């Protein structure tokens, strides 16, 4: 599966190298098998023929794959870009806010540490617009994934006040004596473990 790979896994050049090396392993194994003292060996010449047929089939599949693949992406098979370089490049090349934000917040923070200040500046400049226009990607789940330093001060304060209000609403549920007794009973029966 030559196409089942990504730049944040092994990178293009390393992936291609590993794929080619993997086609050599059967022949290396066959060499050691041929020179071993194992009794009742399988026919070594037959194995060699099978390995040659399989390697040839793999090579033809690679050629067919490259034939049907857009040439603009061929460079990804010998690119030496690392995962963090690819991530930063994806962020910098995009003009789409959704692509930029998902690139930053759906990857490990170590990939984008080098452009953190740039991202903070970008987000502070655009946050109010996103709050006003509510694009599809600007969901509560996305907002929850954003670190405090990326959110402008006033917006962060509003989010914290709203979160505090939610905590008060939840806490008020336990003020009802019946509910508190039921929760305590469930807790002592081993169903749940809570602090209140």
Protein backbone atom coordinates (compact mmCIF):
# COMPACT_ATOMS: atom_id res chain seq x y z
CA UNK A 1 0.00 0.00 0.00
CA UNK A 2 2.43 2.64 -1.20
CA UNK A 3 -0.16 5.42 -0.87
CA UNK A 4 -1.04 4.62 2.77
CA UNK A 5 1.40 7.01 4.35
CA UNK A 6 1.66 10.59 5.53
CA UNK A 7 4.42 13.16 6.01
CA UNK A 8 3.90 13.21 9.78
CA UNK A 9 4.57 9.49 10.03
CA UNK A 10 7.87 8.74 8.30
CA UNK A 11 8.15 11.50 5.70
CA UNK A 12 8.34 10.91 1.96
CA UNK A 13 12.00 9.99 1.47
CA UNK A 14 12.19 7.70 4.50
CA UNK A 15 8.90 6.01 3.57
CA UNK A 16 10.13 5.32 0.02
CA UNK A 17 13.46 4.03 1.32
CA UNK A 18 11.74 1.70 3.81
CA UNK A 19 9.36 0.45 1.11
CA UNK A 20 12.23 -0.39 -1.25
CA UNK A 21 14.24 -2.03 1.53
CA UNK A 22 11.22 -4.15 2.46
CA UNK A 23 11.32 -5.65 -1.05
CA UNK A 24 14.92 -6.74 -0.40
CA UNK A 25 14.19 -8.54 2.88
CA UNK A 26 12.86 -11.75 1.29
CA UNK A 27 16.04 -12.12 -0.80
CA UNK A 28 18.27 -11.52 2.24
CA UNK A 29 16.27 -14.09 4.19
CA UNK A 30 16.54 -16.52 1.30
CA UNK A 31 20.33 -16.10 1.25
CA UNK A 32 20.57 -17.09 4.93
CA UNK A 33 18.05 -19.88 4.42
CA UNK A 34 20.10 -21.24 1.49
CA UNK A 35 23.34 -21.26 3.55
CA UNK A 36 21.74 -22.70 6.70
CA UNK A 37 22.02 -26.26 7.99
CA UNK A 38 18.25 -26.78 8.09
CA UNK A 39 17.18 -30.23 6.99
CA UNK A 40 14.30 -30.82 4.57
CA UNK A 41 14.50 -27.32 3.09
CA UNK A 42 11.90 -26.07 0.66
CA UNK A 43 13.09 -25.76 -2.91
CA UNK A 44 15.32 -22.67 -2.80
CA UNK A 45 15.15 -22.06 -6.56
CA UNK A 46 11.35 -22.17 -6.44
CA UNK A 47 11.34 -19.66 -3.54
CA UNK A 48 13.71 -17.41 -5.46
CA UNK A 49 11.37 -17.49 -8.47
CA UNK A 50 8.35 -16.65 -6.29
CA UNK A 51 10.23 -13.73 -4.68
CA UNK A 52 11.25 -12.38 -8.09
CA UNK A 53 7.65 -12.60 -9.31
CA UNK A 54 6.36 -10.83 -6.21
CA UNK A 55 8.99 -8.08 -6.40
CA UNK A 56 8.26 -7.60 -10.10
CA UNK A 57 4.53 -7.37 -9.40
CA UNK A 58 5.22 -4.79 -6.70
CA UNK A 59 7.37 -2.74 -9.09
CA UNK A 60 4.66 -2.84 -11.79
CA UNK A 61 2.07 -1.74 -9.21
CA UNK A 62 4.28 1.21 -8.23
CA UNK A 63 4.59 2.24 -11.88
CA UNK A 64 0.81 1.93 -12.34
CA UNK A 65 0.22 3.92 -9.16
CA UNK A 66 2.52 6.71 -10.32
CA UNK A 67 0.84 6.68 -13.72
CA UNK A 68 -2.61 7.39 -12.23
CA UNK A 69 -1.34 9.80 -9.56
CA UNK A 70 -1.22 13.54 -10.10
CA UNK A 71 2.40 14.47 -10.93
CA UNK A 72 2.15 17.47 -8.60
CA UNK A 73 2.27 15.04 -5.68
CA UNK A 74 5.18 12.88 -6.84
CA UNK A 75 7.65 15.02 -4.92
CA UNK A 76 6.04 13.82 -1.68
CA UNK A 77 7.71 10.43 -2.23
CA UNK A 78 11.23 11.88 -1.99
CA UNK A 79 10.60 14.95 0.13
CA UNK A 80 12.78 15.16 3.25
CA UNK A 81 10.36 17.49 5.10
CA UNK A 82 9.73 16.46 8.68
CA UNK A 83 6.30 16.39 10.30
CA UNK A 84 6.68 19.78 11.97
CA UNK A 85 8.01 21.36 8.77
CA UNK A 86 5.02 20.01 6.84
CA UNK A 87 2.59 21.32 9.48
CA UNK A 88 4.12 24.81 9.57
CA UNK A 89 4.23 24.90 5.77
CA UNK A 90 0.54 23.91 5.58
CA UNK A 91 -0.34 26.73 7.99
CA UNK A 92 1.72 29.34 6.15
CA UNK A 93 0.51 28.41 2.65
CA UNK A 94 -3.19 28.47 3.47
CA UNK A 95 -5.45 31.54 3.35
CA UNK A 96 -8.40 29.57 4.73
CA UNK A 97 -8.95 30.19 8.49
CA UNK A 98 -10.42 26.70 8.98
CA UNK A 99 -7.38 25.03 7.41
CA UNK A 100 -5.04 27.21 9.45
CA UNK A 101 -6.80 26.50 12.75
CA UNK A 102 -7.25 22.78 12.22
CA UNK A 103 -3.59 22.54 11.19
CA UNK A 104 -2.58 24.16 14.47
CA UNK A 105 -4.99 22.52 16.89
CA UNK A 106 -5.33 19.01 15.42
CA UNK A 107 -1.58 18.40 15.54
CA UNK A 108 0.73 17.98 18.49
CA UNK A 109 1.72 21.37 19.88
CA UNK A 110 5.42 20.57 19.40
CA UNK A 111 4.87 20.72 15.62
CA UNK A 112 3.85 24.39 15.78
CA UNK A 113 5.85 25.71 18.73
CA UNK A 114 8.10 27.69 16.36
CA UNK A 115 5.19 29.80 15.05
CA UNK A 116 3.19 30.07 18.29
CA UNK A 117 3.51 33.87 18.52
CA UNK A 118 2.45 34.23 14.88
CA UNK A 119 -0.61 32.05 15.53
CA UNK A 120 -1.51 34.05 18.66
CA UNK A 121 -1.33 37.30 16.67
CA UNK A 122 -3.46 35.82 13.88
CA UNK A 123 -6.09 34.51 16.29
CA UNK A 124 -6.29 37.73 18.30
CA UNK A 125 -6.81 39.66 15.05
CA UNK A 126 -9.60 37.32 13.82
CA UNK A 127 -11.34 36.00 16.95
CA UNK A 128 -14.03 38.71 17.09
CA UNK A 129 -14.89 38.09 13.42
CA UNK A 130 -15.26 34.36 14.03
CA UNK A 131 -17.48 34.98 17.07
CA UNK A 132 -19.67 37.32 15.00
CA UNK A 133 -19.85 35.23 11.79
CA UNK A 134 -19.86 31.78 13.48
CA UNK A 135 -18.20 29.72 10.71
CA UNK A 136 -19.03 25.99 10.77
CA UNK A 137 -15.62 24.97 12.13
CA UNK A 138 -15.78 27.49 15.03
CA UNK A 139 -17.61 25.11 17.34
CA UNK A 140 -17.63 24.82 21.15
CA UNK A 141 -15.47 21.72 20.73
CA UNK A 142 -12.90 23.70 18.74
CA UNK A 143 -12.98 26.60 21.22
CA UNK A 144 -12.43 24.14 24.08
CA UNK A 145 -9.31 22.81 22.31
CA UNK A 146 -7.75 26.28 22.15
CA UNK A 147 -5.28 27.27 24.87
CA UNK A 148 -6.00 30.45 26.86
CA UNK A 149 -3.02 32.29 25.40
CA UNK A 150 -4.54 32.08 21.92
CA UNK A 151 -7.83 33.74 22.93
CA UNK A 152 -7.98 37.55 23.23
CA UNK A 153 -8.32 38.80 26.83
CA UNK A 154 -11.93 40.04 26.71
CA UNK A 155 -13.16 36.92 24.89
CA UNK A 156 -11.33 34.69 27.37
CA UNK A 157 -12.96 36.53 30.27
CA UNK A 158 -16.41 36.03 28.72
CA UNK A 159 -15.74 32.32 28.18
CA UNK A 160 -14.57 31.92 31.78
CA UNK A 161 -17.66 33.75 33.10
CA UNK A 162 -19.92 31.53 31.00
CA UNK A 163 -18.11 28.41 32.26
CA UNK A 164 -18.46 29.59 35.85
CA UNK A 165 -22.20 30.05 35.28
CA UNK A 166 -22.46 26.47 33.97
CA UNK A 167 -20.66 25.16 37.06
CA UNK A 168 -23.14 27.05 39.28
CA UNK A 169 -26.06 25.51 37.38
CA UNK A 170 -24.65 22.04 37.88
CA UNK A 171 -23.95 22.68 41.55
CA UNK A 172 -27.52 23.93 42.08
CA UNK A 173 -28.81 20.49 41.05
CA UNK A 174 -27.35 19.04 44.26
CA UNK A 175 -29.10 21.65 46.43
CA UNK A 176 -32.35 19.75 46.11
CA UNK A 177 -32.46 17.47 49.15
CA UNK A 178 -34.03 14.51 47.29
CA UNK A 179 -31.48 14.57 44.50
CA UNK A 180 -28.61 14.87 46.99
CA UNK A 181 -29.93 11.86 48.94
CA UNK A 182 -30.30 9.80 45.74
CA UNK A 183 -26.79 10.68 44.62
CA UNK A 184 -25.40 9.84 48.08
CA UNK A 185 -27.23 6.51 48.03
CA UNK A 186 -25.90 5.65 44.57
CA UNK A 187 -22.41 6.61 45.67
CA UNK A 188 -22.53 4.37 48.74
CA UNK A 189 -23.82 1.50 46.62
CA UNK A 190 -20.65 1.78 44.54
CA UNK A 191 -22.26 3.05 41.35
CA UNK A 192 -20.52 6.41 41.22
CA UNK A 193 -17.83 8.36 42.96
CA UNK A 194 -18.29 12.08 43.32
CA UNK A 195 -17.11 15.07 45.32
CA UNK A 196 -19.50 17.86 46.26
